[in-house]
Amino acid sequence: MVTQRTPKAAKPKRAPQRKRAPKRELSLSERIIAIGKKIPLEELEKLPKDGAENLDHYIYGSPKRY
């Protein structure tokens, strides 16, 4: 008995792909801003207002300057 081959179904053609512009890598400042935006407002309010002026106090326990 001879079997006949049936033709394979034609694959649907894909639409041509658009060339995407290469993703630009974020700068350091853009990364820092993006991370800062993720911090909830409640947590930001807990930070000391004079953190930079009295950094030694908050890290080492030395007396506050102001």
N, C-alpha and C. Protein backbone atom coordinates (compact mmCIF):
# COMPACT_ATOMS: atom_id res chain seq x y z
N MET A 1 0.84 -1.16 0.00
CA MET A 1 0.00 0.00 0.00
C MET A 1 0.90 1.24 0.00
N VAL A 2 0.61 2.17 -0.82
CA VAL A 2 1.40 3.40 -0.95
C VAL A 2 0.66 4.52 -0.24
N THR A 3 1.39 5.19 0.63
CA THR A 3 0.76 6.32 1.32
C THR A 3 1.20 7.62 0.67
N GLN A 4 0.31 8.53 0.64
CA GLN A 4 0.64 9.82 0.05
C GLN A 4 0.94 10.82 1.16
N ARG A 5 1.93 11.63 0.89
CA ARG A 5 2.25 12.69 1.85
C ARG A 5 1.30 13.85 1.66
N THR A 6 0.88 14.38 2.77
CA THR A 6 0.04 15.58 2.68
C THR A 6 0.94 16.79 2.85
N PRO A 7 0.68 17.86 2.15
CA PRO A 7 1.54 19.05 2.27
C PRO A 7 1.41 19.64 3.68
N LYS A 8 2.54 20.16 4.17
CA LYS A 8 2.53 20.79 5.49
C LYS A 8 1.75 22.09 5.43
N ALA A 9 1.12 22.40 6.52
CA ALA A 9 0.37 23.66 6.58
C ALA A 9 1.36 24.82 6.53
N ALA A 10 1.02 25.82 5.79
CA ALA A 10 1.90 26.99 5.66
C ALA A 10 1.88 27.78 6.97
N LYS A 11 3.07 28.19 7.41
CA LYS A 11 3.16 28.99 8.63
C LYS A 11 2.68 30.40 8.33
N PRO A 12 1.92 30.97 9.25
CA PRO A 12 1.47 32.35 9.02
C PRO A 12 2.68 33.29 9.05
N LYS A 13 2.67 34.27 8.19
CA LYS A 13 3.79 35.21 8.13
C LYS A 13 3.66 36.21 9.26
N ARG A 14 4.79 36.53 9.86
CA ARG A 14 4.81 37.53 10.93
C ARG A 14 4.95 38.91 10.32
N ALA A 15 4.39 39.86 11.01
CA ALA A 15 4.56 41.25 10.58
C ALA A 15 6.03 41.61 10.77
N PRO A 16 6.57 42.43 9.90
CA PRO A 16 7.98 42.80 10.06
C PRO A 16 8.20 43.52 11.39
N GLN A 17 9.29 43.18 12.05
CA GLN A 17 9.62 43.78 13.35
C GLN A 17 10.14 45.19 13.16
N ARG A 18 9.67 46.09 13.98
CA ARG A 18 10.20 47.45 13.96
C ARG A 18 11.52 47.46 14.70
N LYS A 19 12.44 48.20 14.19
CA LYS A 19 13.71 48.33 14.89
C LYS A 19 13.52 49.31 16.03
N ARG A 20 13.84 48.85 17.20
CA ARG A 20 13.71 49.70 18.38
C ARG A 20 15.02 50.43 18.62
N ALA A 21 14.88 51.61 19.12
CA ALA A 21 16.08 52.36 19.48
C ALA A 21 16.71 51.66 20.68
N PRO A 22 18.01 51.56 20.72
CA PRO A 22 18.64 50.90 21.86
C PRO A 22 18.32 51.65 23.15
N LYS A 23 18.07 50.88 24.22
CA LYS A 23 17.76 51.50 25.50
C LYS A 23 18.97 52.24 26.02
N ARG A 24 18.73 53.47 26.42
CA ARG A 24 19.80 54.28 26.98
C ARG A 24 19.96 53.92 28.45
N GLU A 25 21.17 53.72 28.86
CA GLU A 25 21.43 53.40 30.25
C GLU A 25 21.25 54.65 31.09
N LEU A 26 20.63 54.51 32.25
CA LEU A 26 20.37 55.66 33.12
C LEU A 26 21.67 56.15 33.75
N SER A 27 21.74 57.46 33.91
CA SER A 27 22.90 58.03 34.59
C SER A 27 22.77 57.77 36.09
N LEU A 28 23.83 58.00 36.82
CA LEU A 28 23.82 57.76 38.26
C LEU A 28 22.77 58.62 38.95
N SER A 29 22.70 59.89 38.56
CA SER A 29 21.72 60.77 39.19
C SER A 29 20.29 60.32 38.88
N GLU A 30 20.05 59.83 37.67
CA GLU A 30 18.71 59.33 37.32
C GLU A 30 18.37 58.08 38.12
N ARG A 31 19.36 57.23 38.36
CA ARG A 31 19.12 56.03 39.19
C ARG A 31 18.79 56.42 40.62
N ILE A 32 19.52 57.38 41.17
CA ILE A 32 19.29 57.82 42.55
C ILE A 32 17.89 58.41 42.68
N ILE A 33 17.49 59.22 41.71
CA ILE A 33 16.15 59.82 41.74
C ILE A 33 15.09 58.74 41.66
N ALA A 34 15.28 57.74 40.81
CA ALA A 34 14.31 56.65 40.68
C ALA A 34 14.18 55.87 41.98
N ILE A 35 15.29 55.63 42.65
CA ILE A 35 15.25 54.91 43.93
C ILE A 35 14.55 55.77 44.98
N GLY A 36 14.86 57.06 44.99
CA GLY A 36 14.24 57.98 45.95
C GLY A 36 12.74 58.05 45.80
N LYS A 37 12.25 57.95 44.58
CA LYS A 37 10.80 58.00 44.35
C LYS A 37 10.08 56.78 44.89
N LYS A 38 10.81 55.70 45.12
CA LYS A 38 10.20 54.47 45.64
C LYS A 38 10.02 54.50 47.16
N ILE A 39 10.68 55.45 47.84
CA ILE A 39 10.61 55.52 49.30
C ILE A 39 9.27 56.14 49.69
N PRO A 40 8.52 55.48 50.56
CA PRO A 40 7.23 56.04 50.99
C PRO A 40 7.42 57.35 51.75
N LEU A 41 6.46 58.25 51.62
CA LEU A 41 6.53 59.56 52.25
C LEU A 41 6.64 59.43 53.77
N GLU A 42 5.98 58.44 54.35
CA GLU A 42 6.03 58.25 55.81
C GLU A 42 7.48 58.00 56.27
N GLU A 43 8.23 57.26 55.48
CA GLU A 43 9.62 56.96 55.84
C GLU A 43 10.51 58.18 55.68
N LEU A 44 10.25 58.98 54.66
CA LEU A 44 11.04 60.20 54.47
C LEU A 44 10.82 61.19 55.61
N GLU A 45 9.60 61.22 56.15
CA GLU A 45 9.30 62.13 57.25
C GLU A 45 10.02 61.72 58.53
N LYS A 46 10.43 60.46 58.65
CA LYS A 46 11.13 59.99 59.84
C LYS A 46 12.60 60.42 59.87
N LEU A 47 13.14 60.80 58.71
CA LEU A 47 14.55 61.19 58.65
C LEU A 47 14.77 62.50 59.38
N PRO A 48 15.92 62.66 60.06
CA PRO A 48 16.19 63.92 60.76
C PRO A 48 16.35 65.07 59.76
N LYS A 49 15.82 66.23 60.13
CA LYS A 49 15.88 67.39 59.24
C LYS A 49 17.29 67.95 59.14
N ASP A 50 18.10 67.75 60.19
CA ASP A 50 19.46 68.28 60.21
C ASP A 50 20.50 67.17 60.02
N GLY A 51 20.15 66.17 59.28
CA GLY A 51 21.00 64.99 59.13
C GLY A 51 22.41 65.29 58.66
N ALA A 52 22.58 66.18 57.70
CA ALA A 52 23.91 66.47 57.18
C ALA A 52 24.73 67.29 58.18
N GLU A 53 24.09 68.21 58.89
CA GLU A 53 24.80 69.05 59.85
C GLU A 53 25.27 68.25 61.06
N ASN A 54 24.49 67.29 61.49
CA ASN A 54 24.79 66.52 62.69
C ASN A 54 25.04 65.06 62.39
N LEU A 55 25.66 64.80 61.27
CA LEU A 55 25.94 63.42 60.85
C LEU A 55 26.75 62.68 61.91
N ASP A 56 27.76 63.33 62.47
CA ASP A 56 28.58 62.68 63.50
C ASP A 56 27.75 62.29 64.71
N HIS A 57 26.76 63.11 65.04
CA HIS A 57 25.90 62.78 66.18
C HIS A 57 25.09 61.52 65.89
N TYR A 58 24.54 61.43 64.69
CA TYR A 58 23.69 60.29 64.38
C TYR A 58 24.48 59.01 64.16
N ILE A 59 25.73 59.12 63.72
CA ILE A 59 26.54 57.92 63.48
C ILE A 59 27.34 57.53 64.72
N TYR A 60 28.03 58.52 65.33
CA TYR A 60 28.97 58.21 66.42
C TYR A 60 28.47 58.62 67.79
N GLY A 61 27.39 59.37 67.87
CA GLY A 61 26.87 59.77 69.16
C GLY A 61 27.53 61.01 69.73
N SER A 62 28.32 61.74 68.95
CA SER A 62 28.95 62.96 69.44
C SER A 62 27.87 64.02 69.66
N PRO A 63 28.17 65.08 70.44
CA PRO A 63 27.15 66.11 70.70
C PRO A 63 26.70 66.79 69.40
N LYS A 64 25.43 67.21 69.40
CA LYS A 64 24.89 67.91 68.23
C LYS A 64 25.56 69.27 68.11
N ARG A 65 25.73 69.73 66.90
CA ARG A 65 26.36 71.04 66.64
C ARG A 65 25.34 72.17 66.82
N TYR A 66 24.14 71.96 66.37
CA TYR A 66 23.13 73.05 66.42
C TYR A 66 21.90 72.58 67.15
